[in-house]
C-alpha atoms as a PDB file:
ATOM      1  CA  MET A   1       5.379   6.843   6.289  1.00  0.00           C
ATOM      2  CA  ASP A   2       4.792   4.580   3.460  1.00  0.00           C
ATOM      3  CA  GLU A   3       0.651   3.598   3.584  1.00  0.00           C
ATOM      4  CA  PRO A   4       0.416  -0.262   1.947  1.00  0.00           C
ATOM      5  CA  LYS A   5      -1.280   0.116  -0.968  1.00  0.00           C
ATOM      6  CA  PRO A   6      -5.347  -0.586  -1.180  1.00  0.00           C
ATOM      7  CA  PRO A   7      -5.520  -4.189  -1.453  1.00  0.00           C
ATOM      8  CA  PRO A   8      -8.407  -5.746  -4.381  1.00  0.00           C
ATOM      9  CA  ILE A   9     -12.051  -5.163  -3.477  1.00  0.00           C
ATOM     10  CA  ALA A  10     -13.563  -8.575  -2.248  1.00  0.00           C
ATOM     11  CA  THR A  11     -17.450  -8.178  -2.675  1.00  0.00           C
ATOM     12  CA  GLN A  12     -18.236  -5.962  -6.087  1.00  0.00           C
ATOM     13  CA  THR A  13     -21.247  -4.121  -4.865  1.00  0.00           C
ATOM     14  CA  PRO A  14     -20.643  -0.194  -5.007  1.00  0.00           C
ATOM     15  CA  HIS A  15     -21.417   0.355  -1.807  1.00  0.00           C
ATOM     16  CA  ASN A  16     -17.994  -1.995  -1.058  1.00  0.00           C
ATOM     17  CA  ASN A  17     -16.246  -0.301  -3.303  1.00  0.00           C
ATOM     18  CA  LEU A  18     -16.560   3.153  -2.581  1.00  0.00           C
ATOM     19  CA  LEU A  19     -16.192   2.580   1.310  1.00  0.00           C
ATOM     20  CA  GLU A  20     -13.110   0.600   0.946  1.00  0.00           C
ATOM     21  CA  TYR A  21     -11.609   2.798  -1.231  1.00  0.00           C
ATOM     22  CA  GLY A  22     -12.239   6.157   1.357  1.00  0.00           C
ATOM     23  CA  LEU A  23     -10.882   3.868   4.071  1.00  0.00           C
ATOM     24  CA  SER A  24      -7.568   2.456   2.135  1.00  0.00           C
ATOM     25  CA  HIS A  25      -6.742   6.418   2.546  1.00  0.00           C
ATOM     26  CA  PRO A  26      -5.426   6.656   6.852  1.00  0.00           C
ATOM     27  CA  GLU A  27      -6.313  10.298   6.752  1.00  0.00           C
ATOM     28  CA  THR A  28     -10.208   9.322   6.011  1.00  0.00           C
ATOM     29  CA  ALA A  29      -9.697   5.935   8.584  1.00  0.00           C
ATOM     30  CA  ARG A  30      -8.497   8.219  11.607  1.00  0.00           C
ATOM     31  CA  SER A  31     -11.122  10.344  10.667  1.00  0.00           C
ATOM     32  CA  LEU A  32     -13.468   7.378  11.376  1.00  0.00           C
ATOM     33  CA  ILE A  33     -11.854   5.807  14.691  1.00  0.00           C
ATOM     34  CA  ARG A  34     -12.217   9.663  16.113  1.00  0.00           C
ATOM     35  CA  GLN A  35     -16.176   9.900  15.125  1.00  0.00           C
ATOM     36  CA  MET A  36     -16.789   6.292  16.920  1.00  0.00           C
ATOM     37  CA  ILE A  37     -14.219   5.692  19.564  1.00  0.00           C
ATOM     38  CA  ALA A  38     -15.234   7.375  23.233  1.00  0.00           C
ATOM     39  CA  GLU A  39     -12.344  10.801  24.299  1.00  0.00           C
ATOM     40  CA  LYS A  40     -11.331   8.959  27.421  1.00  0.00           C
ATOM     41  CA  ALA A  41     -10.723   5.555  25.048  1.00  0.00           C
ATOM     42  CA  LEU A  42      -8.902   8.058  22.403  1.00  0.00           C
ATOM     43  CA  LYS A  43      -6.140   9.278  24.913  1.00  0.00           C
ATOM     44  CA  GLU A  44      -4.857   5.753  24.982  1.00  0.00           C
ATOM     45  CA  LEU A  45      -3.946   5.948  21.214  1.00  0.00           C
ATOM     46  CA  ASP A  46      -0.903   7.502  19.341  1.00  0.00           C
ATOM     47  CA  LEU A  47      -3.139   7.653  16.089  1.00  0.00           C
ATOM     48  CA  SER A  48      -0.272   8.408  14.273  1.00  0.00           C
ATOM     49  CA  THR A  49       1.078   5.030  13.902  1.00  0.00           C
ATOM     50  CA  LEU A  50      -2.553   4.492  12.084  1.00  0.00           C
ATOM     51  CA  LYS A  51      -0.896   1.804   9.351  1.00  0.00           C
ATOM     52  CA  ARG A  52      -2.999  -0.033   6.611  1.00  0.00           C
ATOM     53  CA  GLN A  53      -3.163  -3.983   6.733  1.00  0.00           C
ATOM     54  CA  PRO A  54      -3.260  -6.445   3.998  1.00  0.00           C
ATOM     55  CA  LYS A  55      -6.138  -8.385   3.226  1.00  0.00           C
ATOM     56  CA  SER A  56      -2.854 -11.809   3.508  1.00  0.00           C
ATOM     57  CA  PHE A  57      -3.289 -10.848   7.016  1.00  0.00           C
ATOM     58  CA  VAL A  58      -5.977 -13.479   7.165  1.00  0.00           C
ATOM     59  CA  ASP A  59      -6.789 -16.479   5.254  1.00  0.00           C
ATOM     60  CA  GLN A  60      -8.329 -16.892   1.734  1.00  0.00           C
ATOM     61  CA  GLU A  61     -11.844 -18.356   3.445  1.00  0.00           C
ATOM     62  CA  LEU A  62     -12.744 -14.833   4.704  1.00  0.00           C
ATOM     63  CA  ARG A  63     -10.678 -12.630   2.665  1.00  0.00           C
ATOM     64  CA  HIS A  64     -12.772 -13.364  -0.347  1.00  0.00           C
ATOM     65  CA  SER A  65     -16.170 -13.216   1.823  1.00  0.00           C
ATOM     66  CA  HIS A  66     -15.805  -9.653   3.993  1.00  0.00           C
ATOM     67  CA  SER A  67     -14.631  -6.331   2.683  1.00  0.00           C
ATOM     68  CA  ASP A  68     -13.702  -5.747   5.530  1.00  0.00           C
ATOM     69  CA  VAL A  69     -10.272  -2.784   6.744  1.00  0.00           C
ATOM     70  CA  ILE A  70      -8.146  -3.363   9.107  1.00  0.00           C
ATOM     71  CA  TYR A  71      -5.658  -0.865  10.861  1.00  0.00           C
ATOM     72  CA  SER A  72      -3.018  -1.099  13.331  1.00  0.00           C
ATOM     73  CA  LEU A  73      -1.912   1.822  15.448  1.00  0.00           C
ATOM     74  CA  MET A  74       0.105   1.803  18.820  1.00  0.00           C
ATOM     75  CA  THR A  75      -1.171   2.997  22.247  1.00  0.00           C
ATOM     76  CA  HIS A  76       0.534   5.576  24.503  1.00  0.00           C
ATOM     77  CA  PRO A  77       2.909   4.636  26.954  1.00  0.00           C
ATOM     78  CA  ASP A  78       1.923   5.901  30.513  1.00  0.00           C
ATOM     79  CA  ALA A  79       3.860   8.574  31.574  1.00  0.00           C
ATOM     80  CA  ASP A  80       6.262   6.573  33.937  1.00  0.00           C
ATOM     81  CA  GLY A  81       6.629   4.522  31.589  1.00  0.00           C
ATOM     82  CA  GLN A  82       5.849   1.429  33.583  1.00  0.00           C
ATOM     83  CA  ARG A  83       3.239   0.160  31.009  1.00  0.00           C
ATOM     84  CA  ALA A  84       4.649  -0.691  27.176  1.00  0.00           C
ATOM     85  CA  GLU A  85       3.052   0.678  23.979  1.00  0.00           C
ATOM     86  CA  VAL A  86       0.958  -1.759  22.757  1.00  0.00           C
ATOM     87  CA  SER A  87       0.078  -2.261  18.958  1.00  0.00           C
ATOM     88  CA  ILE A  88      -4.383  -2.264  18.788  1.00  0.00           C
ATOM     89  CA  TYR A  89      -5.950  -3.757  15.275  1.00  0.00           C
ATOM     90  CA  PHE A  90      -8.939  -1.755  13.907  1.00  0.00           C
ATOM     91  CA  LEU A  91     -11.110  -4.151  12.104  1.00  0.00           C
ATOM     92  CA  ILE A  92     -13.804  -1.752  10.139  1.00  0.00           C
ATOM     93  CA  GLU A  93     -16.701  -3.399   8.740  1.00  0.00           C
ATOM     94  CA  HIS A  94     -19.804  -2.479   6.612  1.00  0.00           C
ATOM     95  CA  LYS A  95     -23.030  -3.017   6.361  1.00  0.00           C
ATOM     96  CA  SER A  96     -25.954  -2.482   4.428  1.00  0.00           C
ATOM     97  CA  GLU A  97     -27.724  -4.587   5.137  1.00  0.00           C
ATOM     98  CA  GLN A  98     -29.573  -6.174   8.839  1.00  0.00           C
ATOM     99  CA  ASP A  99     -28.019  -9.292   9.909  1.00  0.00           C
ATOM    100  CA  LEU A 100     -28.433 -11.241  12.642  1.00  0.00           C
ATOM    101  CA  LEU A 101     -25.062 -13.078  12.602  1.00  0.00           C
ATOM    102  CA  THR A 102     -22.869  -9.428  12.585  1.00  0.00           C
ATOM    103  CA  ALA A 103     -21.233 -10.097  15.704  1.00  0.00           C
ATOM    104  CA  PHE A 104     -20.674 -13.772  15.345  1.00  0.00           C
ATOM    105  CA  GLN A 105     -19.273 -12.932  11.747  1.00  0.00           C
ATOM    106  CA  LEU A 106     -16.629 -10.230  13.317  1.00  0.00           C
ATOM    107  CA  LEU A 107     -15.327 -12.261  16.000  1.00  0.00           C
ATOM    108  CA  ARG A 108     -14.934 -15.664  13.626  1.00  0.00           C
ATOM    109  CA  TYR A 109     -12.782 -12.905  12.045  1.00  0.00           C
ATOM    110  CA  MET A 110     -10.679 -12.021  15.033  1.00  0.00           C
ATOM    111  CA  VAL A 111      -9.964 -15.337  15.668  1.00  0.00           C
ATOM    112  CA  ARG A 112      -8.281 -16.226  12.306  1.00  0.00           C
ATOM    113  CA  MET A 113      -6.411 -12.396  12.822  1.00  0.00           C
ATOM    114  CA  TRP A 114      -5.463 -14.503  16.620  1.00  0.00           C
ATOM    115  CA  GLU A 115      -4.352 -17.208  14.781  1.00  0.00           C
ATOM    116  CA  ALA A 116      -2.685 -15.212  12.341  1.00  0.00           C
ATOM    117  CA  ASN A 117      -0.516 -13.506  15.832  1.00  0.00           C
ATOM    118  CA  LEU A 118       0.349 -17.505  16.942  1.00  0.00           C
ATOM    119  CA  ARG A 119       1.517 -18.290  13.046  1.00  0.00           C
ATOM    120  CA  ASP A 120       4.284 -15.152  13.250  1.00  0.00           C
ATOM    121  CA  GLY A 121       4.871 -15.524  16.064  1.00  0.00           C
ATOM    122  CA  GLN A 122       3.592 -12.375  17.958  1.00  0.00           C
ATOM    123  CA  PRO A 123       1.300 -12.129  21.137  1.00  0.00           C
ATOM    124  CA  LEU A 124      -2.590 -12.254  20.704  1.00  0.00           C
ATOM    125  CA  GLN A 125      -3.287  -8.438  20.168  1.00  0.00           C
ATOM    126  CA  PRO A 126      -6.415  -6.330  20.908  1.00  0.00           C
ATOM    127  CA  ILE A 127      -8.722  -6.302  18.703  1.00  0.00           C
ATOM    128  CA  ILE A 128     -11.438  -3.167  17.781  1.00  0.00           C
ATOM    129  CA  PRO A 129     -14.461  -4.364  15.806  1.00  0.00           C
ATOM    130  CA  LEU A 130     -16.272  -0.826  13.998  1.00  0.00           C
ATOM    131  CA  VAL A 131     -19.748  -1.607  11.890  1.00  0.00           C
ATOM    132  CA  VAL A 132     -20.961   1.174   9.341  1.00  0.00           C
ATOM    133  CA  TYR A 133     -24.508   0.174   8.785  1.00  0.00           C
ATOM    134  CA  HIS A 134     -25.993   2.295   6.079  1.00  0.00           C
ATOM    135  CA  GLY A 135     -29.472   0.248   5.691  1.00  0.00           C
ATOM    136  CA  GLU A 136     -32.955   1.353   4.706  1.00  0.00           C
ATOM    137  CA  ARG A 137     -33.862   1.116   8.764  1.00  0.00           C
ATOM    138  CA  GLU A 138     -33.013   1.661  11.383  1.00  0.00           C
ATOM    139  CA  TRP A 139     -30.382  -1.579  13.582  1.00  0.00           C
ATOM    140  CA  GLN A 140     -32.524  -3.544  15.455  1.00  0.00           C
ATOM    141  CA  LYS A 141     -30.459  -6.982  15.463  1.00  0.00           C
ATOM    142  CA  ASN A 142     -27.768  -7.602  18.163  1.00  0.00           C
ATOM    143  CA  ARG A 143     -24.887  -6.016  19.014  1.00  0.00           C
ATOM    144  CA  ARG A 144     -23.585  -8.207  21.207  1.00  0.00           C
ATOM    145  CA  LEU A 145     -22.464 -12.358  21.152  1.00  0.00           C
ATOM    146  CA  SER A 146     -24.104 -13.325  24.093  1.00  0.00           C
ATOM    147  CA  GLU A 147     -27.912 -12.269  22.332  1.00  0.00           C
ATOM    148  CA  THR A 148     -27.059 -13.412  19.357  1.00  0.00           C
ATOM    149  CA  ILE A 149     -25.975 -17.231  21.054  1.00  0.00           C
ATOM    150  CA  PRO A 150     -28.400 -16.749  24.978  1.00  0.00           C
ATOM    151  CA  TYR A 151     -27.400 -18.557  27.438  1.00  0.00           C
ATOM    152  CA  PRO A 152     -29.469 -19.981  30.746  1.00  0.00           C
ATOM    153  CA  THR A 153     -29.057 -17.283  33.485  1.00  0.00           C
ATOM    154  CA  GLU A 154     -27.226 -20.227  35.404  1.00  0.00           C
ATOM    155  CA  LEU A 155     -24.730 -20.634  32.447  1.00  0.00           C
ATOM    156  CA  ALA A 156     -23.873 -16.879  31.553  1.00  0.00           C
ATOM    157  CA  GLU A 157     -20.720 -17.210  33.230  1.00  0.00           C
ATOM    158  CA  PHE A 158     -19.922 -19.651  30.588  1.00  0.00           C
ATOM    159  CA  SER A 159     -20.697 -16.732  27.997  1.00  0.00           C
ATOM    160  CA  VAL A 160     -18.138 -15.385  25.375  1.00  0.00           C
ATOM    161  CA  GLN A 161     -18.350 -11.554  26.281  1.00  0.00           C
ATOM    162  CA  PHE A 162     -18.214  -9.622  23.120  1.00  0.00           C
ATOM    163  CA  GLN A 163     -19.565  -6.425  21.782  1.00  0.00           C
ATOM    164  CA  PHE A 164     -19.459  -3.895  18.287  1.00  0.00           C
ATOM    165  CA  PRO A 165     -19.747  -0.471  18.499  1.00  0.00           C
ATOM    166  CA  ILE A 166     -22.091   0.338  15.347  1.00  0.00           C
ATOM    167  CA  LEU A 167     -22.386   4.225  13.633  1.00  0.00           C
ATOM    168  CA  ASP A 168     -25.925   4.017  11.986  1.00  0.00           C
ATOM    169  CA  LEU A 169     -25.791   6.566   9.269  1.00  0.00           C
ATOM    170  CA  TRP A 170     -30.163   5.712   9.286  1.00  0.00           C
ATOM    171  CA  GLN A 171     -30.820   7.015  12.551  1.00  0.00           C
ATOM    172  CA  THR A 172     -27.823   9.956  12.429  1.00  0.00           C
ATOM    173  CA  GLU A 173     -28.461  13.765  11.652  1.00  0.00           C
ATOM    174  CA  ILE A 174     -25.288  13.585   9.743  1.00  0.00           C
ATOM    175  CA  GLU A 175     -25.113  17.941  10.120  1.00  0.00           C
ATOM    176  CA  LYS A 176     -25.039  16.983  13.531  1.00  0.00           C
ATOM    177  CA  LEU A 177     -21.582  15.445  13.843  1.00  0.00           C
ATOM    178  CA  PRO A 178     -18.423  16.668  15.505  1.00  0.00           C
ATOM    179  CA  ALA A 179     -16.900  17.481  12.202  1.00  0.00           C
ATOM    180  CA  PRO A 180     -14.512  14.875  10.972  1.00  0.00           C
ATOM    181  CA  GLU A 181     -11.176  15.665  10.390  1.00  0.00           C
ATOM    182  CA  ASP A 182     -10.958  14.827   7.262  1.00  0.00           C
ATOM    183  CA  PRO A 183     -13.492  16.130   5.220  1.00  0.00           C
ATOM    184  CA  PHE A 184     -13.987  13.310   2.760  1.00  0.00           C
ATOM    185  CA  LEU A 185     -15.265  11.021   5.655  1.00  0.00           C
ATOM    186  CA  GLN A 186     -18.153  13.679   6.020  1.00  0.00           C
ATOM    187  CA  SER A 187     -18.941  13.087   1.951  1.00  0.00           C
ATOM    188  CA  LEU A 188     -18.903   9.299   2.576  1.00  0.00           C
ATOM    189  CA  PHE A 189     -21.093   9.262   5.721  1.00  0.00           C
ATOM    190  CA  TYR A 190     -23.628  11.761   2.888  1.00  0.00           C
ATOM    191  CA  LEU A 191     -23.092   8.981  -0.433  1.00  0.00           C
ATOM    192  CA  LEU A 192     -24.114   6.415   1.857  1.00  0.00           C
ATOM    193  CA  LYS A 193     -26.714   7.647   3.257  1.00  0.00           C
ATOM    194  CA  TYR A 194     -29.018   8.830   0.754  1.00  0.00           C
ATOM    195  CA  SER A 195     -27.344   6.614  -2.134  1.00  0.00           C
ATOM    196  CA  ARG A 196     -30.958   4.818  -2.417  1.00  0.00           C
ATOM    197  CA  SER A 197     -32.900   7.812  -1.358  1.00  0.00           C
ATOM    198  CA  SER A 198     -34.774  10.547  -4.102  1.00  0.00           C
ATOM    199  CA  GLN A 199     -33.111  13.079  -1.467  1.00  0.00           C
ATOM    200  CA  LEU A 200     -29.803  12.496  -2.823  1.00  0.00           C
ATOM    201  CA  ALA A 201     -30.090  15.276  -5.488  1.00  0.00           C
ATOM    202  CA  ASN A 202     -30.551  17.702  -2.562  1.00  0.00           C
ATOM    203  CA  TYR A 203     -26.839  17.167  -1.577  1.00  0.00           C
ATOM    204  CA  LEU A 204     -24.834  16.571  -4.597  1.00  0.00           C
ATOM    205  CA  GLU A 205     -23.230  19.998  -3.977  1.00  0.00           C
ATOM    206  CA  VAL A 206     -22.974  19.437  -0.301  1.00  0.00           C
ATOM    207  CA  ILE A 207     -20.945  16.070  -1.404  1.00  0.00           C
ATOM    208  CA  PHE A 208     -18.684  17.811  -3.853  1.00  0.00           C
ATOM    209  CA  ARG A 209     -18.107  20.802  -1.572  1.00  0.00           C
ATOM    210  CA  MET A 210     -16.725  18.610   0.931  1.00  0.00           C
ATOM    211  CA  ILE A 211     -14.409  17.423  -1.398  1.00  0.00           C
ATOM    212  CA  ALA A 212     -13.203  19.830  -2.716  1.00  0.00           C
ATOM    213  CA  LYS A 213     -11.775  21.300   0.691  1.00  0.00           C
ATOM    214  CA  THR A 214      -9.576  18.377  -0.284  1.00  0.00           C
ATOM    215  CA  THR A 215      -5.810  19.779   0.028  1.00  0.00           C
ATOM    216  CA  ASP A 216      -4.339  17.266  -2.624  1.00  0.00           C
ATOM    217  CA  SER A 217      -5.580  18.495  -5.780  1.00  0.00           C
ATOM    218  CA  ASP A 218      -5.691  14.565  -7.743  1.00  0.00           C
ATOM    219  CA  LEU A 219      -6.620  12.750  -5.040  1.00  0.00           C
ATOM    220  CA  ALA A 220      -9.607  15.346  -5.070  1.00  0.00           C
ATOM    221  CA  ASN A 221     -10.179  14.205  -8.313  1.00  0.00           C
ATOM    222  CA  ASN A 222      -9.954  10.644  -7.747  1.00  0.00           C
ATOM    223  CA  HIS A 223     -12.529  11.555  -4.942  1.00  0.00           C
ATOM    224  CA  ILE A 224     -15.084  12.810  -8.096  1.00  0.00           C
ATOM    225  CA  TYR A 225     -14.251   9.805  -9.784  1.00  0.00           C
ATOM    226  CA  ALA A 226     -15.472   7.564  -6.868  1.00  0.00           C
ATOM    227  CA  ALA A 227     -18.378   9.688  -5.979  1.00  0.00           C
ATOM    228  CA  PHE A 228     -19.275   9.352  -9.497  1.00  0.00           C
ATOM    229  CA  ILE A 229     -19.233   6.619 -10.244  1.00  0.00           C
ATOM    230  CA  TYR A 230     -21.112   5.421  -7.033  1.00  0.00           C
ATOM    231  CA  ILE A 231     -24.331   7.799  -7.702  1.00  0.00           C
ATOM    232  CA  MET A 232     -24.587   6.651 -11.006  1.00  0.00           C
ATOM    233  CA  ALA A 233     -24.222   3.087  -9.817  1.00  0.00           C
ATOM    234  CA  THR A 234     -26.975   3.188  -6.761  1.00  0.00           C
ATOM    235  CA  ASN A 235     -29.357   5.128  -7.679  1.00  0.00           C
ATOM    236  CA  PRO A 236     -31.224   5.492 -10.644  1.00  0.00           C
ATOM    237  CA  ASN A 237     -33.692   9.248 -10.167  1.00  0.00           C
ATOM    238  CA  ILE A 238     -29.827  11.161 -10.504  1.00  0.00           C
ATOM    239  CA  ASN A 239     -29.762  12.765 -13.906  1.00  0.00           C
ATOM    240  CA  PRO A 240     -25.617  12.544 -14.883  1.00  0.00           C
ATOM    241  CA  GLU A 241     -26.194  16.243 -15.834  1.00  0.00           C
ATOM    242  CA  SER A 242     -27.344  17.635 -12.548  1.00  0.00           C
ATOM    243  CA  VAL A 243     -24.037  15.203 -11.001  1.00  0.00           C
ATOM    244  CA  LYS A 244     -21.887  17.404 -13.595  1.00  0.00           C
ATOM    245  CA  LEU A 245     -23.744  20.585 -12.646  1.00  0.00           C
ATOM    246  CA  ALA A 246     -22.270  20.111  -9.325  1.00  0.00           C
ATOM    247  CA  ILE A 247     -19.180  19.206  -9.608  1.00  0.00           C
ATOM    248  CA  ASN A 248     -18.641  21.771 -12.083  1.00  0.00           C
ATOM    249  CA  GLU A 249     -19.833  24.376  -9.143  1.00  0.00           C
ATOM    250  CA  SER A 250     -17.712  22.910  -6.659  1.00  0.00           C
ATOM    251  CA  PHE A 251     -14.505  22.306  -8.891  1.00  0.00           C
ATOM    252  CA  PRO A 252     -14.417  24.845 -11.419  1.00  0.00           C
ATOM    253  CA  PHE A 253     -10.692  25.207 -12.193  1.00  0.00           C
ATOM    254  CA  TYR A 254     -10.709  21.557 -12.333  1.00  0.00           C
ATOM    255  CA  ILE A 255     -13.033  20.342 -14.448  1.00  0.00           C
ATOM    256  CA  TYR A 256     -14.208  21.571 -17.740  1.00  0.00           C
ATOM    257  CA  PRO A 257     -18.595  21.526 -18.803  1.00  0.00           C
ATOM    258  CA  ASP A 258     -18.149  18.799 -21.489  1.00  0.00           C
ATOM    259  CA  SER A 259     -16.404  16.427 -19.290  1.00  0.00           C
ATOM    260  CA  ILE A 260     -17.068  14.655 -15.864  1.00  0.00           C
ATOM    261  CA  LEU A 261     -13.020  14.316 -15.551  1.00  0.00           C
ATOM    262  CA  GLY A 262     -12.097  16.797 -17.628  1.00  0.00           C
ATOM    263  CA  LYS A 263     -10.213  16.912 -20.609  1.00  0.00           C
ATOM    264  CA  GLU A 264      -7.101  15.575 -19.660  1.00  0.00           C
ATOM    265  CA  ARG A 265      -8.922  12.967 -18.820  1.00  0.00           C
ATOM    266  CA  GLU A 266     -10.934  11.931 -20.849  1.00  0.00           C
ATOM    267  CA  ALA A 267      -9.015   8.961 -22.661  1.00  0.00           C
ATOM    268  CA  GLY A 268      -8.657   7.163 -19.423  1.00  0.00           C
ATOM    269  CA  VAL A 269     -12.359   5.551 -18.720  1.00  0.00           C
ATOM    270  CA  ALA A 270     -12.622   2.502 -19.922  1.00  0.00           C
ATOM    271  CA  GLU A 271     -10.544   0.679 -18.730  1.00  0.00           C
ATOM    272  CA  GLY A 272     -10.350   2.597 -15.334  1.00  0.00           C
ATOM    273  CA  ILE A 273     -13.805   1.513 -14.858  1.00  0.00           C
ATOM    274  CA  GLU A 274     -13.819  -2.383 -15.371  1.00  0.00           C
ATOM    275  CA  LYS A 275     -10.448  -2.159 -13.405  1.00  0.00           C
ATOM    276  CA  GLY A 276     -12.595   0.232 -11.158  1.00  0.00           C
ATOM    277  CA  ILE A 277     -14.754  -2.582 -10.356  1.00  0.00           C
ATOM    278  CA  GLU A 278     -12.202  -5.369 -10.476  1.00  0.00           C
ATOM    279  CA  LYS A 279      -9.413  -3.702  -8.412  1.00  0.00           C
ATOM    280  CA  GLY A 280     -10.532  -1.413  -6.598  1.00  0.00           C
ATOM    281  CA  ILE A 281     -11.377   2.657  -7.528  1.00  0.00           C
ATOM    282  CA  GLU A 282      -7.991   3.976  -6.814  1.00  0.00           C
ATOM    283  CA  LYS A 283      -5.986   1.455  -8.807  1.00  0.00           C
ATOM    284  CA  GLY A 284      -8.811   1.738 -11.815  1.00  0.00           C
ATOM    285  CA  ILE A 285      -8.004   5.473 -12.169  1.00  0.00           C
ATOM    286  CA  GLU A 286      -4.289   5.222 -12.308  1.00  0.00           C
ATOM    287  CA  LYS A 287      -4.671   2.120 -14.953  1.00  0.00           C
ATOM    288  CA  GLY A 288      -7.305   4.078 -16.799  1.00  0.00           C
ATOM    289  CA  ARG A 289      -5.315   7.362 -17.160  1.00  0.00           C
ATOM    290  CA  GLU A 290      -2.838   5.265 -19.249  1.00  0.00           C
ATOM    291  CA  GLU A 291      -5.230   3.233 -21.628  1.00  0.00           C
ATOM    292  CA  GLY A 292      -9.149   3.201 -20.884  1.00  0.00           C
ATOM    293  CA  ARG A 293     -11.786   5.313 -23.489  1.00  0.00           C
ATOM    294  CA  GLU A 294     -14.469   6.804 -22.693  1.00  0.00           C
ATOM    295  CA  GLU A 295     -17.283   5.146 -23.374  1.00  0.00           C
ATOM    296  CA  GLY A 296     -15.894   2.541 -20.777  1.00  0.00           C
ATOM    297  CA  LEU A 297     -17.962   5.206 -18.403  1.00  0.00           C
ATOM    298  CA  GLU A 298     -21.316   3.665 -19.666  1.00  0.00           C
ATOM    299  CA  PHE A 299     -20.134  -0.052 -19.434  1.00  0.00           C
ATOM    300  CA  GLY A 300     -18.805   0.400 -15.587  1.00  0.00           C
ATOM    301  CA  ILE A 301     -21.931   1.308 -14.772  1.00  0.00           C
ATOM    302  CA  LEU A 302     -24.098  -0.917 -16.106  1.00  0.00           C
ATOM    303  CA  ILE A 303     -21.659  -3.714 -14.430  1.00  0.00           C
ATOM    304  CA  ALA A 304     -21.989  -1.681 -11.053  1.00  0.00           C
ATOM    305  CA  LYS A 305     -25.647  -1.633 -11.415  1.00  0.00           C
ATOM    306  CA  ILE A 306     -26.073  -5.254 -12.340  1.00  0.00           C
ATOM    307  CA  GLN A 307     -24.125  -6.312  -9.313  1.00  0.00           C
ATOM    308  CA  MET A 308     -26.316  -4.164  -7.294  1.00  0.00           C
ATOM    309  CA  GLN A 309     -29.272  -5.152  -8.575  1.00  0.00           C
ATOM    310  CA  GLU A 310     -28.968  -9.179  -7.669  1.00  0.00           C
ATOM    311  CA  GLU A 311     -27.553  -8.847  -4.245  1.00  0.00           C
ATOM    312  CA  ARG A 312     -31.166  -6.774  -3.719  1.00  0.00           C
ATOM    313  CA  CYS A 313     -32.019 -10.434  -5.443  1.00  0.00           C
ATOM    314  CA  GLY A 314     -30.707 -12.556  -3.461  1.00  0.00           C
ATOM    315  CA  LEU A 315     -28.658 -13.905  -6.159  1.00  0.00           C
ATOM    316  CA  PRO A 316     -24.730 -14.895  -6.574  1.00  0.00           C
ATOM    317  CA  ILE A 317     -22.963 -11.507  -7.708  1.00  0.00           C
ATOM    318  CA  SER A 318     -21.536 -11.724 -10.962  1.00  0.00           C
ATOM    319  CA  PRO A 319     -17.942 -11.247 -11.316  1.00  0.00           C
ATOM    320  CA  VAL A 320     -16.039  -8.585 -13.824  1.00  0.00           C
ATOM    321  CA  GLU A 321     -14.586 -11.145 -15.978  1.00  0.00           C
ATOM    322  CA  GLN A 322     -18.092 -11.965 -16.836  1.00  0.00           C
ATOM    323  CA  PHE A 323     -19.102  -9.162 -18.499  1.00  0.00           C
ATOM    324  CA  LYS A 324     -15.410  -8.752 -20.576  1.00  0.00           C
ATOM    325  CA  SER A 325     -16.871 -10.491 -23.608  1.00  0.00           C
ATOM    326  CA  ARG A 326     -20.418  -8.448 -23.854  1.00  0.00           C
ATOM    327  CA  SER A 327     -22.150  -5.242 -25.175  1.00  0.00           C
ATOM    328  CA  ILE A 328     -23.878  -2.867 -23.636  1.00  0.00           C
ATOM    329  CA  ALA A 329     -26.969  -3.732 -25.263  1.00  0.00           C
ATOM    330  CA  GLU A 330     -26.443  -7.271 -23.125  1.00  0.00           C
ATOM    331  CA  LEU A 331     -25.616  -5.067 -20.147  1.00  0.00           C
ATOM    332  CA  GLN A 332     -28.949  -3.539 -20.639  1.00  0.00           C
ATOM    333  CA  THR A 333     -30.866  -6.162 -21.125  1.00  0.00           C
ATOM    334  CA  ARG A 334     -29.661  -8.127 -18.557  1.00  0.00           C
ATOM    335  CA  LEU A 335     -30.417  -5.554 -15.771  1.00  0.00           C
ATOM    336  CA  ALA A 336     -33.746  -4.611 -17.013  1.00  0.00           C
ATOM    337  CA  GLU A 337     -34.183  -8.377 -16.593  1.00  0.00           C
ATOM    338  CA  LEU A 338     -33.212  -7.689 -12.907  1.00  0.00           C
ATOM    339  CA  GLN A 339     -35.657  -5.039 -12.153  1.00  0.00           C
ATOM    340  CA  SER A 340     -38.463  -6.654 -13.477  1.00  0.00           C
ATOM    341  CA  ASN A 341     -38.084  -9.614 -10.730  1.00  0.00           C
END
């Protein structure tokens, strides 16, 4: 079954880039669903039918304001064939900060999806929202829409009953989670949880050894590349040489000591980084193999760091196009200005 290619990333920050890249792989998304859905409910779902849905599934306004990933799958019919297969949509949302309006945002997105069903002449399909959160404190905001919009007790029957499941990596001991089917998903958990922590250095080999379990060597190289860019963009305390060492320890036959990507890929970095930020890491890697240059690695990481710092400062996130005519020195100056605020 051919899966849709990952769409352009909606919000250009490293956290969104990494999670959308990871969940663009059906095996990783399938593993996440198994992590977050109760066993009883899983028995109703035919996970072999999981299929990525394109961003065009919703309108232009929401497509550019969310970094959600949407999958569909079918339910199992019952034993006597009395219950037909039903198409279910999973809406996977990422949060790096707590947001009081998350339930409302999800419901708004779900309504647009149902409107798309009607436009296409389809019946309204069930939607299950999932939220992956990796903020710097335990999630304490509302998970029910009825808590976000409180009704008087006498009028409670008129409220919308809606709650979303959340995987709170802040309060989750990753080591105690059931091992995901897809080892790359577990590496994503570590990357997201410790991305802004000094503890990340302690987990570098753990992360890359998980990625090393990926049986497809090209896919493993893509995962290495995505993880390296994310680490460099989010954690200023990590030395690039320590990341290279962890990679070389885990991939002695794939990676040359002189290059983070190996000599066969040195020529593919510059355009890959730029396109990786602009159009998604996976597409960026493909483009970068053909026509990039190595100095673009620093260029791409600086852009990602600037965008992340803008997000932390509550500023609008600058589009990639704004940086194309600037030098590395100018980008370094801009980053220093943002960090001093």
